[in-house]
């Protein structure tokens, strides 16, 4: 159902003209921060 609704919505010209509206164009705050500074958690496995 979600895929069906999304396919129908993303096919609309008004949605194509506004990529930010889809929610896919922006990576999100958490992903952006992780992209700037990738965590090095496995180096502290003993901790």
ModelCIF file with pLDDT and N, C-alpha, C, O atoms, coordinates in Angstrom:
data_MODEL
#
_entry.id   MODEL 
#
_entity.id                         1 
_entity.type                       polymer 
_entity.pdbx_number_of_molecules   1 
#
_entity_poly.entity_id                      1 
_entity_poly.type                           'polypeptide(L)' 
_entity_poly.nstd_linkage                   no 
_entity_poly.nstd_monomer                   no 
_entity_poly.pdbx_seq_one_letter_code       
;(UNK)(UNK)(UNK)(UNK)(UNK)(UNK)(UNK)(UNK)(UNK)(UNK)(UNK)(UNK)(UNK)(UNK)(UNK)(UNK)
(UNK)(UNK)(UNK)(UNK)(UNK)(UNK)(UNK)(UNK)(UNK)(UNK)(UNK)(UNK)(UNK)(UNK)(UNK)(UNK)
(UNK)(UNK)(UNK)(UNK)(UNK)(UNK)(UNK)(UNK)(UNK)(UNK)(UNK)(UNK)(UNK)(UNK)(UNK)
;
_entity_poly.pdbx_seq_one_letter_code_can   XXXXXXXXXXXXXXXXXXXXXXXXXXXXXXXXXXXXXXXXXXXXXXX 
_entity_poly.pdbx_strand_id                 A 
#
loop_
_entity_poly_seq.entity_id 
_entity_poly_seq.num 
_entity_poly_seq.mon_id 
_entity_poly_seq.hetero 
1 1  UNK n 
1 2  UNK n 
1 3  UNK n 
1 4  UNK n 
1 5  UNK n 
1 6  UNK n 
1 7  UNK n 
1 8  UNK n 
1 9  UNK n 
1 10 UNK n 
1 11 UNK n 
1 12 UNK n 
1 13 UNK n 
1 14 UNK n 
1 15 UNK n 
1 16 UNK n 
1 17 UNK n 
1 18 UNK n 
1 19 UNK n 
1 20 UNK n 
1 21 UNK n 
1 22 UNK n 
1 23 UNK n 
1 24 UNK n 
1 25 UNK n 
1 26 UNK n 
1 27 UNK n 
1 28 UNK n 
1 29 UNK n 
1 30 UNK n 
1 31 UNK n 
1 32 UNK n 
1 33 UNK n 
1 34 UNK n 
1 35 UNK n 
1 36 UNK n 
1 37 UNK n 
1 38 UNK n 
1 39 UNK n 
1 40 UNK n 
1 41 UNK n 
1 42 UNK n 
1 43 UNK n 
1 44 UNK n 
1 45 UNK n 
1 46 UNK n 
1 47 UNK n 
#
_struct_asym.id          A 
_struct_asym.entity_id   1 
#
loop_
_ma_qa_metric.id 
_ma_qa_metric.mode 
_ma_qa_metric.name 
_ma_qa_metric.software_group_id 
_ma_qa_metric.type 
1 global pLDDT . pLDDT 
2 local  pLDDT . pLDDT 
#
_ma_qa_metric_global.metric_id      1 
_ma_qa_metric_global.metric_value   77.38 
_ma_qa_metric_global.model_id       1 
_ma_qa_metric_global.ordinal_id     1 
#
loop_
_ma_qa_metric_local.label_asym_id 
_ma_qa_metric_local.label_comp_id 
_ma_qa_metric_local.label_seq_id 
_ma_qa_metric_local.metric_id 
_ma_qa_metric_local.metric_value 
_ma_qa_metric_local.model_id 
_ma_qa_metric_local.ordinal_id 
A UNK 1  2 86.00 1 1  
A UNK 2  2 85.00 1 2  
A UNK 3  2 84.00 1 3  
A UNK 4  2 86.00 1 4  
A UNK 5  2 86.00 1 5  
A UNK 6  2 85.00 1 6  
A UNK 7  2 84.00 1 7  
A UNK 8  2 84.00 1 8  
A UNK 9  2 85.00 1 9  
A UNK 10 2 84.00 1 10 
A UNK 11 2 82.00 1 11 
A UNK 12 2 84.00 1 12 
A UNK 13 2 84.00 1 13 
A UNK 14 2 82.00 1 14 
A UNK 15 2 80.00 1 15 
A UNK 16 2 79.00 1 16 
A UNK 17 2 78.00 1 17 
A UNK 18 2 79.00 1 18 
A UNK 19 2 76.00 1 19 
A UNK 20 2 78.00 1 20 
A UNK 21 2 82.00 1 21 
A UNK 22 2 80.00 1 22 
A UNK 23 2 76.00 1 23 
A UNK 24 2 79.00 1 24 
A UNK 25 2 75.00 1 25 
A UNK 26 2 71.00 1 26 
A UNK 27 2 67.00 1 27 
A UNK 28 2 64.00 1 28 
A UNK 29 2 66.00 1 29 
A UNK 30 2 65.00 1 30 
A UNK 31 2 64.00 1 31 
A UNK 32 2 63.00 1 32 
A UNK 33 2 65.00 1 33 
A UNK 34 2 61.00 1 34 
A UNK 35 2 59.00 1 35 
A UNK 36 2 57.00 1 36 
A UNK 37 2 63.00 1 37 
A UNK 38 2 65.00 1 38 
A UNK 39 2 73.00 1 39 
A UNK 40 2 81.00 1 40 
A UNK 41 2 84.00 1 41 
A UNK 42 2 87.00 1 42 
A UNK 43 2 85.00 1 43 
A UNK 44 2 87.00 1 44 
A UNK 45 2 88.00 1 45 
A UNK 46 2 89.00 1 46 
A UNK 47 2 90.00 1 47 
#
loop_
_atom_site.group_PDB 
_atom_site.id 
_atom_site.type_symbol 
_atom_site.label_atom_id 
_atom_site.label_alt_id 
_atom_site.label_comp_id 
_atom_site.label_asym_id 
_atom_site.label_entity_id 
_atom_site.label_seq_id 
_atom_site.pdbx_PDB_ins_code 
_atom_site.Cartn_x 
_atom_site.Cartn_y 
_atom_site.Cartn_z 
_atom_site.occupancy 
_atom_site.B_iso_or_equiv 
_atom_site.pdbx_formal_charge 
_atom_site.auth_seq_id 
_atom_site.auth_comp_id 
_atom_site.auth_asym_id 
_atom_site.auth_atom_id 
_atom_site.pdbx_PDB_model_num 
ATOM 1   N N  . UNK A 1 1  ? 0.826  -1.207 0.000   1.00 86.00 ? 1  UNK A N  1 
ATOM 2   C CA . UNK A 1 1  ? 0.000  0.000  0.000   1.00 86.00 ? 1  UNK A CA 1 
ATOM 3   C C  . UNK A 1 1  ? 0.861  1.258  0.000   1.00 86.00 ? 1  UNK A C  1 
ATOM 4   O O  . UNK A 1 1  ? 0.618  2.173  -0.786  1.00 86.00 ? 1  UNK A O  1 
ATOM 5   N N  . UNK A 1 2  ? 1.872  1.313  0.881   1.00 85.00 ? 2  UNK A N  1 
ATOM 6   C CA . UNK A 1 2  ? 2.735  2.500  0.889   1.00 85.00 ? 2  UNK A CA 1 
ATOM 7   C C  . UNK A 1 2  ? 3.424  2.678  -0.459  1.00 85.00 ? 2  UNK A C  1 
ATOM 8   O O  . UNK A 1 2  ? 3.526  3.799  -0.959  1.00 85.00 ? 2  UNK A O  1 
ATOM 9   N N  . UNK A 1 3  ? 3.890  1.597  -1.043  1.00 84.00 ? 3  UNK A N  1 
ATOM 10  C CA . UNK A 1 3  ? 4.570  1.704  -2.341  1.00 84.00 ? 3  UNK A CA 1 
ATOM 11  C C  . UNK A 1 3  ? 3.611  2.184  -3.425  1.00 84.00 ? 3  UNK A C  1 
ATOM 12  O O  . UNK A 1 3  ? 3.976  2.993  -4.278  1.00 84.00 ? 3  UNK A O  1 
ATOM 13  N N  . UNK A 1 4  ? 2.391  1.681  -3.382  1.00 86.00 ? 4  UNK A N  1 
ATOM 14  C CA . UNK A 1 4  ? 1.402  2.094  -4.379  1.00 86.00 ? 4  UNK A CA 1 
ATOM 15  C C  . UNK A 1 4  ? 1.097  3.584  -4.260  1.00 86.00 ? 4  UNK A C  1 
ATOM 16  O O  . UNK A 1 4  ? 1.062  4.295  -5.264  1.00 86.00 ? 4  UNK A O  1 
ATOM 17  N N  . UNK A 1 5  ? 0.875  4.059  -3.027  1.00 86.00 ? 5  UNK A N  1 
ATOM 18  C CA . UNK A 1 5  ? 0.587  5.473  -2.813  1.00 86.00 ? 5  UNK A CA 1 
ATOM 19  C C  . UNK A 1 5  ? 1.782  6.336  -3.204  1.00 86.00 ? 5  UNK A C  1 
ATOM 20  O O  . UNK A 1 5  ? 1.614  7.399  -3.802  1.00 86.00 ? 5  UNK A O  1 
ATOM 21  N N  . UNK A 1 6  ? 2.993  5.880  -2.867  1.00 85.00 ? 6  UNK A N  1 
ATOM 22  C CA . UNK A 1 6  ? 4.189  6.662  -3.182  1.00 85.00 ? 6  UNK A CA 1 
ATOM 23  C C  . UNK A 1 6  ? 4.421  6.740  -4.687  1.00 85.00 ? 6  UNK A C  1 
ATOM 24  O O  . UNK A 1 6  ? 4.760  7.803  -5.207  1.00 85.00 ? 6  UNK A O  1 
ATOM 25  N N  . UNK A 1 7  ? 4.244  5.641  -5.378  1.00 84.00 ? 7  UNK A N  1 
ATOM 26  C CA . UNK A 1 7  ? 4.420  5.652  -6.840  1.00 84.00 ? 7  UNK A CA 1 
ATOM 27  C C  . UNK A 1 7  ? 3.450  6.634  -7.491  1.00 84.00 ? 7  UNK A C  1 
ATOM 28  O O  . UNK A 1 7  ? 3.820  7.381  -8.396  1.00 84.00 ? 7  UNK A O  1 
ATOM 29  N N  . UNK A 1 8  ? 2.205  6.621  -7.017  1.00 84.00 ? 8  UNK A N  1 
ATOM 30  C CA . UNK A 1 8  ? 1.208  7.525  -7.593  1.00 84.00 ? 8  UNK A CA 1 
ATOM 31  C C  . UNK A 1 8  ? 1.546  8.983  -7.309  1.00 84.00 ? 8  UNK A C  1 
ATOM 32  O O  . UNK A 1 8  ? 1.402  9.841  -8.181  1.00 84.00 ? 8  UNK A O  1 
ATOM 33  N N  . UNK A 1 9  ? 1.997  9.263  -6.080  1.00 85.00 ? 9  UNK A N  1 
ATOM 34  C CA . UNK A 1 9  ? 2.303  10.648 -5.718  1.00 85.00 ? 9  UNK A CA 1 
ATOM 35  C C  . UNK A 1 9  ? 3.547  11.155 -6.439  1.00 85.00 ? 9  UNK A C  1 
ATOM 36  O O  . UNK A 1 9  ? 3.565  12.291 -6.912  1.00 85.00 ? 9  UNK A O  1 
ATOM 37  N N  . UNK A 1 10 ? 4.584  10.330 -6.529  1.00 84.00 ? 10 UNK A N  1 
ATOM 38  C CA . UNK A 1 10 ? 5.830  10.772 -7.156  1.00 84.00 ? 10 UNK A CA 1 
ATOM 39  C C  . UNK A 1 10 ? 5.706  10.929 -8.664  1.00 84.00 ? 10 UNK A C  1 
ATOM 40  O O  . UNK A 1 10 ? 6.561  11.555 -9.291  1.00 84.00 ? 10 UNK A O  1 
ATOM 41  N N  . UNK A 1 11 ? 4.673  10.379 -9.244  1.00 82.00 ? 11 UNK A N  1 
ATOM 42  C CA . UNK A 1 11 ? 4.466  10.551 -10.688 1.00 82.00 ? 11 UNK A CA 1 
ATOM 43  C C  . UNK A 1 11 ? 3.825  11.890 -11.021 1.00 82.00 ? 11 UNK A C  1 
ATOM 44  O O  . UNK A 1 11 ? 3.763  12.255 -12.195 1.00 82.00 ? 11 UNK A O  1 
ATOM 45  N N  . UNK A 1 12 ? 3.342  12.640 -10.019 1.00 84.00 ? 12 UNK A N  1 
ATOM 46  C CA . UNK A 1 12 ? 2.680  13.923 -10.257 1.00 84.00 ? 12 UNK A CA 1 
ATOM 47  C C  . UNK A 1 12 ? 3.714  14.986 -10.629 1.00 84.00 ? 12 UNK A C  1 
ATOM 48  O O  . UNK A 1 12 ? 4.761  15.064 -9.986  1.00 84.00 ? 12 UNK A O  1 
ATOM 49  N N  . UNK A 1 13 ? 3.447  15.805 -11.648 1.00 84.00 ? 13 UNK A N  1 
ATOM 50  C CA . UNK A 1 13 ? 4.396  16.862 -12.038 1.00 84.00 ? 13 UNK A CA 1 
ATOM 51  C C  . UNK A 1 13 ? 4.675  17.845 -10.904 1.00 84.00 ? 13 UNK A C  1 
ATOM 52  O O  . UNK A 1 13 ? 5.808  18.301 -10.755 1.00 84.00 ? 13 UNK A O  1 
ATOM 53  N N  . UNK A 1 14 ? 3.681  18.175 -10.115 1.00 82.00 ? 14 UNK A N  1 
ATOM 54  C CA . UNK A 1 14 ? 3.880  19.128 -9.022  1.00 82.00 ? 14 UNK A CA 1 
ATOM 55  C C  . UNK A 1 14 ? 4.890  18.606 -8.011  1.00 82.00 ? 14 UNK A C  1 
ATOM 56  O O  . UNK A 1 14 ? 5.649  19.386 -7.434  1.00 82.00 ? 14 UNK A O  1 
ATOM 57  N N  . UNK A 1 15 ? 4.909  17.303 -7.792  1.00 80.00 ? 15 UNK A N  1 
ATOM 58  C CA . UNK A 1 15 ? 5.865  16.712 -6.856  1.00 80.00 ? 15 UNK A CA 1 
ATOM 59  C C  . UNK A 1 15 ? 7.255  16.686 -7.468  1.00 80.00 ? 15 UNK A C  1 
ATOM 60  O O  . UNK A 1 15 ? 8.238  16.917 -6.764  1.00 80.00 ? 15 UNK A O  1 
ATOM 61  N N  . UNK A 1 16 ? 7.360  16.410 -8.766  1.00 79.00 ? 16 UNK A N  1 
ATOM 62  C CA . UNK A 1 16 ? 8.679  16.371 -9.420  1.00 79.00 ? 16 UNK A CA 1 
ATOM 63  C C  . UNK A 1 16 ? 9.344  17.744 -9.391  1.00 79.00 ? 16 UNK A C  1 
ATOM 64  O O  . UNK A 1 16 ? 10.567 17.851 -9.305  1.00 79.00 ? 16 UNK A O  1 
ATOM 65  N N  . UNK A 1 17 ? 8.520  18.800 -9.464  1.00 78.00 ? 17 UNK A N  1 
ATOM 66  C CA . UNK A 1 17 ? 9.093  20.145 -9.454  1.00 78.00 ? 17 UNK A CA 1 
ATOM 67  C C  . UNK A 1 17 ? 9.572  20.552 -8.064  1.00 78.00 ? 17 UNK A C  1 
ATOM 68  O O  . UNK A 1 17 ? 10.326 21.516 -7.932  1.00 78.00 ? 17 UNK A O  1 
ATOM 69  N N  . UNK A 1 18 ? 9.145  19.834 -7.028  1.00 79.00 ? 18 UNK A N  1 
ATOM 70  C CA . UNK A 1 18 ? 9.514  20.177 -5.648  1.00 79.00 ? 18 UNK A CA 1 
ATOM 71  C C  . UNK A 1 18 ? 10.151 18.952 -4.984  1.00 79.00 ? 18 UNK A C  1 
ATOM 72  O O  . UNK A 1 18 ? 9.502  18.294 -4.171  1.00 79.00 ? 18 UNK A O  1 
ATOM 73  N N  . UNK A 1 19 ? 11.395 18.638 -5.310  1.00 76.00 ? 19 UNK A N  1 
ATOM 74  C CA . UNK A 1 19 ? 12.025 17.421 -4.773  1.00 76.00 ? 19 UNK A CA 1 
ATOM 75  C C  . UNK A 1 19 ? 12.122 17.418 -3.250  1.00 76.00 ? 19 UNK A C  1 
ATOM 76  O O  . UNK A 1 19 ? 12.094 16.357 -2.626  1.00 76.00 ? 19 UNK A O  1 
ATOM 77  N N  . UNK A 1 20 ? 12.236 18.620 -2.645  1.00 78.00 ? 20 UNK A N  1 
ATOM 78  C CA . UNK A 1 20 ? 12.335 18.648 -1.182  1.00 78.00 ? 20 UNK A CA 1 
ATOM 79  C C  . UNK A 1 20 ? 11.054 18.139 -0.534  1.00 78.00 ? 20 UNK A C  1 
ATOM 80  O O  . UNK A 1 20 ? 11.071 17.668 0.603   1.00 78.00 ? 20 UNK A O  1 
ATOM 81  N N  . UNK A 1 21 ? 9.934  18.237 -1.268  1.00 82.00 ? 21 UNK A N  1 
ATOM 82  C CA . UNK A 1 21 ? 8.653  17.797 -0.713  1.00 82.00 ? 21 UNK A CA 1 
ATOM 83  C C  . UNK A 1 21 ? 8.605  16.287 -0.515  1.00 82.00 ? 21 UNK A C  1 
ATOM 84  O O  . UNK A 1 21 ? 7.885  15.791 0.351   1.00 82.00 ? 21 UNK A O  1 
ATOM 85  N N  . UNK A 1 22 ? 9.376  15.557 -1.321  1.00 80.00 ? 22 UNK A N  1 
ATOM 86  C CA . UNK A 1 22 ? 9.301  14.091 -1.250  1.00 80.00 ? 22 UNK A CA 1 
ATOM 87  C C  . UNK A 1 22 ? 9.890  13.532 0.036   1.00 80.00 ? 22 UNK A C  1 
ATOM 88  O O  . UNK A 1 22 ? 9.493  12.457 0.485   1.00 80.00 ? 22 UNK A O  1 
ATOM 89  N N  . UNK A 1 23 ? 10.839 14.255 0.634   1.00 76.00 ? 23 UNK A N  1 
ATOM 90  C CA . UNK A 1 23 ? 11.498 13.728 1.819   1.00 76.00 ? 23 UNK A CA 1 
ATOM 91  C C  . UNK A 1 23 ? 12.735 12.926 1.495   1.00 76.00 ? 23 UNK A C  1 
ATOM 92  O O  . UNK A 1 23 ? 13.474 12.543 2.402   1.00 76.00 ? 23 UNK A O  1 
ATOM 93  N N  . UNK A 1 24 ? 12.986 12.655 0.192   1.00 79.00 ? 24 UNK A N  1 
ATOM 94  C CA . UNK A 1 24 ? 14.176 11.890 -0.189  1.00 79.00 ? 24 UNK A CA 1 
ATOM 95  C C  . UNK A 1 24 ? 15.371 12.776 -0.476  1.00 79.00 ? 24 UNK A C  1 
ATOM 96  O O  . UNK A 1 24 ? 16.513 12.346 -0.313  1.00 79.00 ? 24 UNK A O  1 
ATOM 97  N N  . UNK A 1 25 ? 15.125 14.014 -0.904  1.00 75.00 ? 25 UNK A N  1 
ATOM 98  C CA . UNK A 1 25 ? 16.224 14.878 -1.330  1.00 75.00 ? 25 UNK A CA 1 
ATOM 99  C C  . UNK A 1 25 ? 17.101 15.275 -0.156  1.00 75.00 ? 25 UNK A C  1 
ATOM 100 O O  . UNK A 1 25 ? 18.318 15.384 -0.308  1.00 75.00 ? 25 UNK A O  1 
ATOM 101 N N  . UNK A 1 26 ? 16.505 15.496 1.017   1.00 71.00 ? 26 UNK A N  1 
ATOM 102 C CA . UNK A 1 26 ? 17.282 15.889 2.195   1.00 71.00 ? 26 UNK A CA 1 
ATOM 103 C C  . UNK A 1 26 ? 17.733 14.635 2.936   1.00 71.00 ? 26 UNK A C  1 
ATOM 104 O O  . UNK A 1 26 ? 16.903 13.769 3.214   1.00 71.00 ? 26 UNK A O  1 
ATOM 105 N N  . UNK A 1 27 ? 19.021 14.505 3.269   1.00 67.00 ? 27 UNK A N  1 
ATOM 106 C CA . UNK A 1 27 ? 19.486 13.294 3.943   1.00 67.00 ? 27 UNK A CA 1 
ATOM 107 C C  . UNK A 1 27 ? 19.063 13.196 5.394   1.00 67.00 ? 27 UNK A C  1 
ATOM 108 O O  . UNK A 1 27 ? 19.124 12.113 5.977   1.00 67.00 ? 27 UNK A O  1 
ATOM 109 N N  . UNK A 1 28 ? 18.631 14.306 5.997   1.00 64.00 ? 28 UNK A N  1 
ATOM 110 C CA . UNK A 1 28 ? 18.259 14.279 7.408   1.00 64.00 ? 28 UNK A CA 1 
ATOM 111 C C  . UNK A 1 28 ? 19.398 14.765 8.277   1.00 64.00 ? 28 UNK A C  1 
ATOM 112 O O  . UNK A 1 28 ? 20.566 14.609 7.923   1.00 64.00 ? 28 UNK A O  1 
ATOM 113 N N  . UNK A 1 29 ? 19.063 15.356 9.418   1.00 66.00 ? 29 UNK A N  1 
ATOM 114 C CA . UNK A 1 29 ? 20.082 15.958 10.280  1.00 66.00 ? 29 UNK A CA 1 
ATOM 115 C C  . UNK A 1 29 ? 21.062 14.916 10.814  1.00 66.00 ? 29 UNK A C  1 
ATOM 116 O O  . UNK A 1 29 ? 22.274 15.128 10.801  1.00 66.00 ? 29 UNK A O  1 
ATOM 117 N N  . UNK A 1 30 ? 20.524 13.783 11.287  1.00 65.00 ? 30 UNK A N  1 
ATOM 118 C CA . UNK A 1 30 ? 21.401 12.774 11.873  1.00 65.00 ? 30 UNK A CA 1 
ATOM 119 C C  . UNK A 1 30 ? 22.356 12.208 10.840  1.00 65.00 ? 30 UNK A C  1 
ATOM 120 O O  . UNK A 1 30 ? 23.542 12.028 11.116  1.00 65.00 ? 30 UNK A O  1 
ATOM 121 N N  . UNK A 1 31 ? 21.839 11.924 9.643   1.00 64.00 ? 31 UNK A N  1 
ATOM 122 C CA . UNK A 1 31 ? 22.708 11.372 8.596   1.00 64.00 ? 31 UNK A CA 1 
ATOM 123 C C  . UNK A 1 31 ? 23.755 12.405 8.167   1.00 64.00 ? 31 UNK A C  1 
ATOM 124 O O  . UNK A 1 31 ? 24.894 12.051 7.864   1.00 64.00 ? 31 UNK A O  1 
ATOM 125 N N  . UNK A 1 32 ? 23.362 13.687 8.145   1.00 63.00 ? 32 UNK A N  1 
ATOM 126 C CA . UNK A 1 32 ? 24.315 14.738 7.772   1.00 63.00 ? 32 UNK A CA 1 
ATOM 127 C C  . UNK A 1 32 ? 25.448 14.828 8.779   1.00 63.00 ? 32 UNK A C  1 
ATOM 128 O O  . UNK A 1 32 ? 26.616 14.930 8.404   1.00 63.00 ? 32 UNK A O  1 
ATOM 129 N N  . UNK A 1 33 ? 25.101 14.790 10.057  1.00 65.00 ? 33 UNK A N  1 
ATOM 130 C CA . UNK A 1 33 ? 26.134 14.858 11.092  1.00 65.00 ? 33 UNK A CA 1 
ATOM 131 C C  . UNK A 1 33 ? 27.049 13.644 11.047  1.00 65.00 ? 33 UNK A C  1 
ATOM 132 O O  . UNK A 1 33 ? 28.264 13.766 11.205  1.00 65.00 ? 33 UNK A O  1 
ATOM 133 N N  . UNK A 1 34 ? 26.460 12.470 10.830  1.00 61.00 ? 34 UNK A N  1 
ATOM 134 C CA . UNK A 1 34 ? 27.275 11.264 10.747  1.00 61.00 ? 34 UNK A CA 1 
ATOM 135 C C  . UNK A 1 34 ? 28.181 11.304 9.522   1.00 61.00 ? 34 UNK A C  1 
ATOM 136 O O  . UNK A 1 34 ? 29.286 10.761 9.547   1.00 61.00 ? 34 UNK A O  1 
ATOM 137 N N  . UNK A 1 35 ? 27.713 11.955 8.432   1.00 59.00 ? 35 UNK A N  1 
ATOM 138 C CA . UNK A 1 35 ? 28.540 12.071 7.238   1.00 59.00 ? 35 UNK A CA 1 
ATOM 139 C C  . UNK A 1 35 ? 29.742 12.972 7.444   1.00 59.00 ? 35 UNK A C  1 
ATOM 140 O O  . UNK A 1 35 ? 30.803 12.753 6.861   1.00 59.00 ? 35 UNK A O  1 
ATOM 141 N N  . UNK A 1 36 ? 29.565 14.005 8.292   1.00 57.00 ? 36 UNK A N  1 
ATOM 142 C CA . UNK A 1 36 ? 30.684 14.908 8.561   1.00 57.00 ? 36 UNK A CA 1 
ATOM 143 C C  . UNK A 1 36 ? 31.748 14.243 9.420   1.00 57.00 ? 36 UNK A C  1 
ATOM 144 O O  . UNK A 1 36 ? 32.948 14.433 9.221   1.00 57.00 ? 36 UNK A O  1 
ATOM 145 N N  . UNK A 1 37 ? 31.273 13.456 10.382  1.00 63.00 ? 37 UNK A N  1 
ATOM 146 C CA . UNK A 1 37 ? 32.219 12.833 11.309  1.00 63.00 ? 37 UNK A CA 1 
ATOM 147 C C  . UNK A 1 37 ? 31.767 11.400 11.567  1.00 63.00 ? 37 UNK A C  1 
ATOM 148 O O  . UNK A 1 37 ? 30.931 11.145 12.434  1.00 63.00 ? 37 UNK A O  1 
ATOM 149 N N  . UNK A 1 38 ? 32.328 10.479 10.808  1.00 65.00 ? 38 UNK A N  1 
ATOM 150 C CA . UNK A 1 38 ? 31.935 9.074  10.936  1.00 65.00 ? 38 UNK A CA 1 
ATOM 151 C C  . UNK A 1 38 ? 32.392 8.524  12.284  1.00 65.00 ? 38 UNK A C  1 
ATOM 152 O O  . UNK A 1 38 ? 33.542 8.731  12.671  1.00 65.00 ? 38 UNK A O  1 
ATOM 153 N N  . UNK A 1 39 ? 31.529 7.840  12.995  1.00 73.00 ? 39 UNK A N  1 
ATOM 154 C CA . UNK A 1 39 ? 31.911 7.309  14.309  1.00 73.00 ? 39 UNK A CA 1 
ATOM 155 C C  . UNK A 1 39 ? 32.949 6.197  14.176  1.00 73.00 ? 39 UNK A C  1 
ATOM 156 O O  . UNK A 1 39 ? 32.933 5.432  13.212  1.00 73.00 ? 39 UNK A O  1 
ATOM 157 N N  . UNK A 1 40 ? 33.843 6.116  15.144  1.00 81.00 ? 40 UNK A N  1 
ATOM 158 C CA . UNK A 1 40 ? 34.848 5.056  15.182  1.00 81.00 ? 40 UNK A CA 1 
ATOM 159 C C  . UNK A 1 40 ? 34.597 4.245  16.453  1.00 81.00 ? 40 UNK A C  1 
ATOM 160 O O  . UNK A 1 40 ? 35.392 4.254  17.393  1.00 81.00 ? 40 UNK A O  1 
ATOM 161 N N  . UNK A 1 41 ? 33.466 3.548  16.445  1.00 84.00 ? 41 UNK A N  1 
ATOM 162 C CA . UNK A 1 41 ? 33.033 2.811  17.632  1.00 84.00 ? 41 UNK A CA 1 
ATOM 163 C C  . UNK A 1 41 ? 33.791 1.506  17.795  1.00 84.00 ? 41 UNK A C  1 
ATOM 164 O O  . UNK A 1 41 ? 34.088 1.099  18.918  1.00 84.00 ? 41 UNK A O  1 
ATOM 165 N N  . UNK A 1 42 ? 34.109 0.845  16.687  1.00 87.00 ? 42 UNK A N  1 
ATOM 166 C CA . UNK A 1 42 ? 34.713 -0.478 16.780  1.00 87.00 ? 42 UNK A CA 1 
ATOM 167 C C  . UNK A 1 42 ? 36.155 -0.431 17.292  1.00 87.00 ? 42 UNK A C  1 
ATOM 168 O O  . UNK A 1 42 ? 36.705 -1.439 17.736  1.00 87.00 ? 42 UNK A O  1 
ATOM 169 N N  . UNK A 1 43 ? 36.747 0.744  17.220  1.00 85.00 ? 43 UNK A N  1 
ATOM 170 C CA . UNK A 1 43 ? 38.101 0.859  17.755  1.00 85.00 ? 43 UNK A CA 1 
ATOM 171 C C  . UNK A 1 43 ? 38.101 0.831  19.283  1.00 85.00 ? 43 UNK A C  1 
ATOM 172 O O  . UNK A 1 43 ? 39.145 0.626  19.902  1.00 85.00 ? 43 UNK A O  1 
ATOM 173 N N  . UNK A 1 44 ? 36.944 1.034  19.881  1.00 87.00 ? 44 UNK A N  1 
ATOM 174 C CA . UNK A 1 44 ? 36.827 1.038  21.347  1.00 87.00 ? 44 UNK A CA 1 
ATOM 175 C C  . UNK A 1 44 ? 36.006 -0.167 21.823  1.00 87.00 ? 44 UNK A C  1 
ATOM 176 O O  . UNK A 1 44 ? 35.204 -0.064 22.751  1.00 87.00 ? 44 UNK A O  1 
ATOM 177 N N  . UNK A 1 45 ? 36.223 -1.287 21.176  1.00 88.00 ? 45 UNK A N  1 
ATOM 178 C CA . UNK A 1 45 ? 35.404 -2.459 21.498  1.00 88.00 ? 45 UNK A CA 1 
ATOM 179 C C  . UNK A 1 45 ? 35.553 -2.872 22.957  1.00 88.00 ? 45 UNK A C  1 
ATOM 180 O O  . UNK A 1 45 ? 34.564 -3.231 23.597  1.00 88.00 ? 45 UNK A O  1 
ATOM 181 N N  . UNK A 1 46 ? 36.746 -2.828 23.484  1.00 89.00 ? 46 UNK A N  1 
ATOM 182 C CA . UNK A 1 46 ? 36.946 -3.260 24.863  1.00 89.00 ? 46 UNK A CA 1 
ATOM 183 C C  . UNK A 1 46 ? 36.166 -2.373 25.836  1.00 89.00 ? 46 UNK A C  1 
ATOM 184 O O  . UNK A 1 46 ? 35.648 -2.850 26.845  1.00 89.00 ? 46 UNK A O  1 
ATOM 185 N N  . UNK A 1 47 ? 36.091 -1.096 25.525  1.00 90.00 ? 47 UNK A N  1 
ATOM 186 C CA . UNK A 1 47 ? 35.335 -0.195 26.393  1.00 90.00 ? 47 UNK A CA 1 
ATOM 187 C C  . UNK A 1 47 ? 33.863 -0.588 26.426  1.00 90.00 ? 47 UNK A C  1 
ATOM 188 O O  . UNK A 1 47 ? 33.067 0.058  27.107  1.00 90.00 ? 47 UNK A O  1 
#
